[in-house]
Amino acid sequence: MIYIELDSTNVYENFGLEYYLATEKLFEETVFLFWRTTPTLMLGRYQNLMEEINLPYVREKGIHLVRRMSGGGTIYTDLGGWQFSFIDRDRGEEIDFRGYLSPILNALEKLSVHGEFNGRNDLCIEGRKFSGNAQYRLGKSIVHHGSLLFDTDIEQMVASTKVDECKIRSKSIQSVRERVCNIAEHLQEKISPEVFKRKMIEAIMAADPKSREYELESSERERVSELAREHFENKEKLYGKNPKFSIEKTGRFPGGKMQFSFEVKEGKIQEAAVSGDFFSTLDEKEIAEAFIGLYFDKDSLYEGLKSRNLEGKIYRISAEEIAEFLG
């Protein structure tokens, strides 16, 4: 096993490193990473961002958004939690979570924390989830990555996501607290996230007598940054996996009511209709056409509507107000 230390809390850089190790820097040994990020929501490969994320809250709190290359659900993480990654050669086997989760569970046992695999993709303590996991193939490699709730802000985790009605809704934060837990709650003595990381790495590396560390060269770090920008830090990657969906919203502004109806595909507005009791120097078709081709997020809507001369054309309703309402 090879361990590579990450001093970055930038989620795009860290996913860029995963990609680099899976596609370009191919070790024969399994590569192990243990990392964390500033507050971030990681969407699964096939998820619809608009259905999963509380965008107004996310923007208010400055929470980063990224789309993983793996399937599964949305994961919230912050500096109170940790992520781990195993990058291995693709042996042509079926997806197997247990093989990559055993080292994590064994390391937790060294801390007297008794976790268990629930048989799908979660790790639990006494039935409460503390780790979600995902796995996928990339080139000649298989990538397994997972989260560890150590001392994560559960309130912010709940507030930043829209939870499926059939999963958790009834009692909001209380209901979530009954289903998830932080590892720190189960430690016999209080330790910091940094000490937890060190103890986990020591235990996992000690289990493999051939384990070693590898330090990235400056040229490799530069390449990782390029891959981060190309594959993770752009709107095409974030919104491009969104399936086509329809959305209708009605807003009341100082200048009157506006009703919006959009068809959105891969994050961009493909069809639009606007109606209401507002006043404008434009007809409804001209207003609607201003939205076509814009990404369905606040910043893109604001800049797009301004550049298409919508600003000042609707009485007492600004492009900023429309973007703020829709985004």
Protein backbone atom coordinates (compact mmCIF):
# COMPACT_ATOMS: atom_id res chain seq x y z
CA MET A 1 0.00 0.00 0.00
CA ILE A 2 1.17 3.53 -0.79
CA TYR A 3 0.04 6.49 1.28
CA ILE A 4 0.09 10.03 -0.13
CA GLU A 5 -0.34 12.95 2.25
CA LEU A 6 -2.78 15.66 1.18
CA ASP A 7 -2.36 19.10 2.69
CA SER A 8 -5.18 20.52 0.58
CA THR A 9 -8.74 21.13 1.79
CA ASN A 10 -9.80 22.03 -1.77
CA VAL A 11 -12.27 19.38 -2.90
CA TYR A 12 -11.53 19.94 -6.60
CA GLU A 13 -7.80 19.43 -6.08
CA ASN A 14 -8.39 16.31 -4.02
CA PHE A 15 -10.68 14.75 -6.60
CA GLY A 16 -8.14 15.82 -9.21
CA LEU A 17 -5.53 13.78 -7.37
CA GLU A 18 -7.82 10.73 -7.38
CA TYR A 19 -8.23 11.14 -11.12
CA TYR A 20 -4.48 11.53 -11.67
CA LEU A 21 -3.69 8.39 -9.68
CA ALA A 22 -6.37 6.41 -11.52
CA THR A 23 -5.48 7.45 -15.06
CA GLU A 24 -1.90 8.68 -15.28
CA LYS A 25 0.24 7.78 -12.26
CA LEU A 26 -0.45 4.06 -12.13
CA PHE A 27 1.11 2.29 -9.16
CA GLU A 28 0.92 -1.48 -8.91
CA GLU A 29 0.17 -1.16 -5.22
CA THR A 30 -3.08 0.17 -3.80
CA VAL A 31 -2.87 3.92 -3.14
CA PHE A 32 -4.46 5.23 0.06
CA LEU A 33 -5.53 8.84 0.68
CA PHE A 34 -7.04 10.41 3.80
CA TRP A 35 -8.30 13.94 3.32
CA ARG A 36 -10.88 16.58 4.20
CA THR A 37 -12.43 19.69 2.71
CA THR A 38 -13.98 22.99 3.62
CA PRO A 39 -17.81 22.71 3.73
CA THR A 40 -18.77 20.88 0.54
CA LEU A 41 -21.65 18.96 -1.00
CA MET A 42 -20.57 16.08 -3.23
CA LEU A 43 -23.26 15.00 -5.67
CA GLY A 44 -23.43 11.48 -7.04
CA ARG A 45 -22.79 11.01 -10.74
CA TYR A 46 -26.44 10.48 -11.68
CA GLN A 47 -28.17 12.92 -9.32
CA ASN A 48 -30.23 15.96 -10.26
CA LEU A 49 -28.67 18.92 -8.47
CA MET A 50 -31.92 20.88 -8.41
CA GLU A 51 -33.69 18.08 -6.52
CA GLU A 52 -30.90 17.42 -4.01
CA ILE A 53 -29.51 20.79 -2.96
CA ASN A 54 -30.92 23.73 -1.02
CA LEU A 55 -29.23 26.24 -3.32
CA PRO A 56 -30.16 29.48 -1.49
CA TYR A 57 -28.72 28.10 1.75
CA VAL A 58 -25.64 26.70 0.02
CA ARG A 59 -24.86 30.07 -1.57
CA GLU A 60 -25.49 31.97 1.66
CA LYS A 61 -23.06 29.76 3.57
CA GLY A 62 -20.44 29.54 0.82
CA ILE A 63 -20.66 25.75 0.60
CA HIS A 64 -18.81 24.28 -2.38
CA LEU A 65 -20.52 22.00 -4.89
CA VAL A 66 -18.84 19.20 -6.82
CA ARG A 67 -20.03 16.20 -8.81
CA ARG A 68 -18.25 12.92 -8.13
CA MET A 69 -17.52 10.42 -10.85
CA SER A 70 -19.11 7.72 -8.70
CA GLY A 71 -22.78 6.99 -8.19
CA GLY A 72 -24.68 7.12 -4.92
CA GLY A 73 -26.20 9.97 -2.96
CA THR A 74 -25.19 13.47 -1.91
CA ILE A 75 -22.54 13.69 0.79
CA TYR A 76 -21.95 16.71 3.01
CA THR A 77 -18.48 17.12 4.44
CA ASP A 78 -16.57 19.81 6.32
CA LEU A 79 -13.39 20.25 8.34
CA GLY A 80 -14.95 18.15 11.11
CA GLY A 81 -15.14 15.12 8.84
CA TRP A 82 -12.77 13.07 6.73
CA GLN A 83 -12.73 11.39 3.34
CA PHE A 84 -10.71 8.33 2.41
CA SER A 85 -9.82 6.97 -1.01
CA PHE A 86 -8.37 3.72 -2.27
CA ILE A 87 -7.11 3.72 -5.87
CA ASP A 88 -6.36 0.22 -7.08
CA ARG A 89 -5.76 -1.64 -10.34
CA ASP A 90 -8.92 -2.97 -11.94
CA ARG A 91 -8.72 -6.73 -11.36
CA GLY A 92 -11.83 -7.40 -13.45
CA GLU A 93 -13.89 -8.26 -10.37
CA GLU A 94 -17.38 -7.14 -9.41
CA ILE A 95 -17.79 -4.03 -7.27
CA ASP A 96 -16.81 -5.04 -3.73
CA PHE A 97 -17.18 -2.58 -0.88
CA ARG A 98 -16.20 -4.90 1.94
CA GLY A 99 -12.58 -5.33 0.85
CA TYR A 100 -11.89 -1.59 1.06
CA LEU A 101 -13.95 -0.99 4.19
CA SER A 102 -12.28 -3.66 6.31
CA PRO A 103 -9.12 -1.55 6.88
CA ILE A 104 -11.30 1.36 8.03
CA LEU A 105 -13.30 -0.79 10.44
CA ASN A 106 -10.13 -2.43 11.79
CA ALA A 107 -8.53 0.97 12.38
CA LEU A 108 -11.61 2.16 14.25
CA GLU A 109 -11.44 -0.95 16.44
CA LYS A 110 -7.99 0.25 17.55
CA LEU A 111 -9.82 3.30 18.91
CA SER A 112 -12.42 1.06 20.58
CA VAL A 113 -15.08 2.16 18.09
CA HIS A 114 -17.15 -0.79 16.93
CA GLY A 115 -18.44 -0.07 13.45
CA GLU A 116 -20.14 -2.42 11.02
CA PHE A 117 -20.86 -2.64 7.29
CA ASN A 118 -24.58 -2.53 6.53
CA GLY A 119 -24.25 -4.70 3.41
CA ARG A 120 -24.89 -1.95 0.84
CA ASN A 121 -22.54 1.04 1.05
CA ASP A 122 -22.74 2.47 4.57
CA LEU A 123 -20.82 2.00 7.81
CA CYS A 124 -22.81 2.24 11.03
CA ILE A 125 -22.39 2.30 14.79
CA GLU A 126 -25.32 0.70 16.61
CA GLY A 127 -27.44 1.14 13.51
CA ARG A 128 -26.56 4.81 12.97
CA LYS A 129 -24.68 5.79 9.83
CA PHE A 130 -21.29 7.49 10.04
CA SER A 131 -19.87 6.67 6.62
CA GLY A 132 -21.22 6.63 3.07
CA ASN A 133 -19.20 4.97 0.32
CA ALA A 134 -19.04 4.81 -3.45
CA GLN A 135 -16.98 2.89 -5.99
CA TYR A 136 -16.39 3.11 -9.73
CA ARG A 137 -14.00 2.11 -12.49
CA LEU A 138 -11.87 4.64 -14.34
CA GLY A 139 -9.53 3.52 -17.10
CA LYS A 140 -7.43 0.66 -15.78
CA SER A 141 -8.25 1.50 -12.18
CA ILE A 142 -10.93 1.09 -9.57
CA VAL A 143 -11.59 3.95 -7.18
CA HIS A 144 -13.26 3.47 -3.80
CA HIS A 145 -13.94 6.56 -1.71
CA GLY A 146 -15.94 7.20 1.41
CA SER A 147 -16.80 9.75 4.05
CA LEU A 148 -16.28 9.62 7.80
CA LEU A 149 -18.45 11.79 10.04
CA PHE A 150 -16.07 12.56 12.87
CA ASP A 151 -17.28 15.89 14.28
CA THR A 152 -19.35 17.14 11.36
CA ASP A 153 -21.91 19.95 11.64
CA ILE A 154 -25.09 17.85 11.36
CA GLU A 155 -27.37 20.90 11.40
CA GLN A 156 -25.62 22.36 8.36
CA MET A 157 -25.61 18.99 6.65
CA VAL A 158 -29.41 18.81 6.93
CA ALA A 159 -30.03 22.45 6.04
CA SER A 160 -27.94 22.29 2.86
CA THR A 161 -29.71 19.28 1.35
CA LYS A 162 -33.24 18.48 0.27
CA VAL A 163 -34.11 15.12 1.73
CA ASP A 164 -36.31 12.71 -0.23
CA GLU A 165 -39.79 12.42 1.29
CA CYS A 166 -39.47 8.63 1.44
CA LYS A 167 -36.21 8.80 3.39
CA ILE A 168 -36.11 11.47 6.08
CA ARG A 169 -38.47 14.41 6.45
CA SER A 170 -40.82 14.13 9.39
CA LYS A 171 -38.76 15.47 12.26
CA SER A 172 -35.98 17.18 10.33
CA ILE A 173 -32.79 17.43 12.38
CA GLN A 174 -34.02 15.19 15.17
CA SER A 175 -34.89 12.47 12.69
CA VAL A 176 -31.47 12.75 11.04
CA ARG A 177 -29.70 12.62 14.39
CA GLU A 178 -31.45 9.33 15.08
CA ARG A 179 -30.07 7.91 11.83
CA VAL A 180 -26.52 9.32 11.71
CA CYS A 181 -23.77 9.89 14.23
CA ASN A 182 -20.32 11.38 14.59
CA ILE A 183 -17.47 9.04 15.47
CA ALA A 184 -16.36 11.51 18.15
CA GLU A 185 -19.50 10.65 20.13
CA HIS A 186 -18.26 7.07 20.57
CA LEU A 187 -14.63 7.67 21.55
CA GLN A 188 -13.57 6.86 25.09
CA GLU A 189 -11.48 10.03 25.22
CA LYS A 190 -11.88 13.27 23.30
CA ILE A 191 -9.40 13.84 20.48
CA SER A 192 -9.16 16.41 17.70
CA PRO A 193 -9.91 15.63 14.05
CA GLU A 194 -6.18 15.93 13.33
CA VAL A 195 -5.25 13.36 15.97
CA PHE A 196 -8.00 11.07 14.69
CA LYS A 197 -6.52 11.27 11.19
CA ARG A 198 -3.04 10.39 12.43
CA LYS A 199 -4.27 7.42 14.44
CA MET A 200 -6.32 6.09 11.52
CA ILE A 201 -3.42 6.36 9.08
CA GLU A 202 -1.00 4.72 11.51
CA ALA A 203 -3.36 1.78 12.06
CA ILE A 204 -4.09 1.25 8.35
CA MET A 205 -0.43 1.48 7.33
CA ALA A 206 0.71 -0.78 10.17
CA ALA A 207 -1.58 -3.55 8.89
CA ASP A 208 0.49 -3.75 5.69
CA PRO A 209 4.20 -4.49 6.31
CA LYS A 210 5.05 -3.34 2.77
CA SER A 211 3.31 0.03 3.08
CA ARG A 212 5.23 3.15 2.13
CA GLU A 213 4.69 6.85 1.57
CA TYR A 214 5.02 8.74 -1.68
CA GLU A 215 5.45 12.50 -2.06
CA LEU A 216 4.19 14.25 -5.16
CA GLU A 217 6.67 16.30 -7.15
CA SER A 218 5.86 19.91 -8.05
CA SER A 219 5.21 18.94 -11.69
CA GLU A 220 2.73 16.31 -10.52
CA ARG A 221 0.93 18.83 -8.34
CA GLU A 222 0.62 21.15 -11.33
CA ARG A 223 -0.88 18.32 -13.39
CA VAL A 224 -3.34 17.54 -10.59
CA SER A 225 -4.46 21.19 -10.61
CA GLU A 226 -5.04 20.99 -14.38
CA LEU A 227 -7.16 17.85 -13.98
CA ALA A 228 -9.09 19.45 -11.11
CA ARG A 229 -10.08 22.39 -13.30
CA GLU A 230 -10.88 20.19 -16.30
CA HIS A 231 -12.94 17.48 -14.60
CA PHE A 232 -14.37 18.93 -11.39
CA GLU A 233 -14.19 22.72 -11.13
CA ASN A 234 -16.50 23.83 -13.92
CA LYS A 235 -20.22 24.18 -14.50
CA GLU A 236 -20.32 21.74 -17.40
CA LYS A 237 -19.25 18.93 -15.11
CA LEU A 238 -21.51 20.02 -12.26
CA TYR A 239 -24.68 20.54 -14.29
CA GLY A 240 -23.95 18.35 -17.30
CA LYS A 241 -25.14 15.15 -15.64
CA ASN A 242 -28.48 16.67 -14.66
CA PRO A 243 -31.35 14.93 -16.44
CA LYS A 244 -33.93 17.03 -18.28
CA PHE A 245 -36.57 18.43 -15.95
CA SER A 246 -39.35 20.99 -15.85
CA ILE A 247 -39.75 23.72 -13.27
CA GLU A 248 -42.46 26.30 -12.63
CA LYS A 249 -42.16 29.14 -10.14
CA THR A 250 -44.28 32.19 -9.33
CA GLY A 251 -42.71 35.24 -7.76
CA ARG A 252 -44.19 38.47 -6.43
CA PHE A 253 -42.03 41.54 -6.91
CA PRO A 254 -42.54 45.31 -6.34
CA GLY A 255 -43.52 45.59 -10.00
CA GLY A 256 -46.01 42.72 -9.98
CA LYS A 257 -46.30 38.97 -10.29
CA MET A 258 -44.13 36.91 -12.67
CA GLN A 259 -44.71 33.26 -13.50
CA PHE A 260 -41.82 31.29 -14.98
CA SER A 261 -41.94 27.94 -16.74
CA PHE A 262 -38.68 26.31 -17.87
CA GLU A 263 -37.45 23.11 -19.47
CA VAL A 264 -33.91 22.51 -18.22
CA LYS A 265 -31.44 20.01 -19.69
CA GLU A 266 -27.88 19.47 -18.48
CA GLY A 267 -28.27 22.54 -16.31
CA LYS A 268 -29.21 24.91 -19.15
CA ILE A 269 -32.62 26.41 -19.92
CA GLN A 270 -33.82 24.93 -23.21
CA GLU A 271 -37.38 26.28 -23.29
CA ALA A 272 -38.94 29.19 -21.39
CA ALA A 273 -42.28 30.89 -20.91
CA VAL A 274 -43.01 33.97 -18.80
CA SER A 275 -46.38 35.43 -17.80
CA GLY A 276 -47.86 37.63 -15.05
CA ASP A 277 -49.34 41.04 -14.27
CA PHE A 278 -46.08 43.00 -14.56
CA PHE A 279 -45.32 45.88 -16.99
CA SER A 280 -42.60 45.78 -19.63
CA THR A 281 -41.45 47.41 -22.85
CA LEU A 282 -40.87 43.90 -24.26
CA ASP A 283 -43.38 41.28 -25.30
CA GLU A 284 -43.54 37.94 -23.47
CA LYS A 285 -41.62 36.12 -26.21
CA GLU A 286 -38.68 38.52 -26.01
CA ILE A 287 -38.54 38.15 -22.22
CA ALA A 288 -38.69 34.37 -22.43
CA GLU A 289 -35.96 34.20 -25.09
CA ALA A 290 -33.58 36.05 -22.76
CA PHE A 291 -33.49 32.95 -20.55
CA ILE A 292 -32.71 30.40 -23.30
CA GLY A 293 -29.23 28.89 -23.01
CA LEU A 294 -28.50 30.22 -19.52
CA TYR A 295 -27.39 27.95 -16.71
CA PHE A 296 -30.09 27.63 -14.08
CA ASP A 297 -28.15 29.20 -11.23
CA LYS A 298 -28.22 32.67 -9.72
CA ASP A 299 -24.93 34.05 -11.04
CA SER A 300 -25.44 32.82 -14.60
CA LEU A 301 -29.01 34.11 -14.69
CA TYR A 302 -28.00 37.53 -13.40
CA GLU A 303 -25.07 37.99 -15.80
CA GLY A 304 -27.04 36.51 -18.70
CA LEU A 305 -30.12 38.65 -18.22
CA LYS A 306 -27.99 41.79 -17.91
CA SER A 307 -25.98 40.98 -21.04
CA ARG A 308 -29.21 40.38 -22.96
CA ASN A 309 -30.49 43.84 -22.03
CA LEU A 310 -33.34 42.70 -19.80
CA GLU A 311 -32.23 45.08 -17.07
CA GLY A 312 -34.55 48.10 -16.92
CA LYS A 313 -37.03 46.63 -19.40
CA ILE A 314 -39.42 45.31 -16.75
CA TYR A 315 -41.00 47.92 -14.50
CA ARG A 316 -39.70 47.75 -10.90
CA ILE A 317 -38.30 44.22 -11.35
CA SER A 318 -34.55 43.97 -11.79
CA ALA A 319 -32.46 41.18 -13.30
CA GLU A 320 -30.90 40.72 -9.87
CA GLU A 321 -34.28 40.21 -8.24
CA ILE A 322 -35.29 37.65 -10.87
CA ALA A 323 -31.99 35.77 -10.55
CA GLU A 324 -32.17 35.82 -6.77
CA PHE A 325 -35.70 34.43 -6.84
CA LEU A 326 -35.04 31.72 -9.40
CA GLY A 327 -31.57 30.72 -8.27
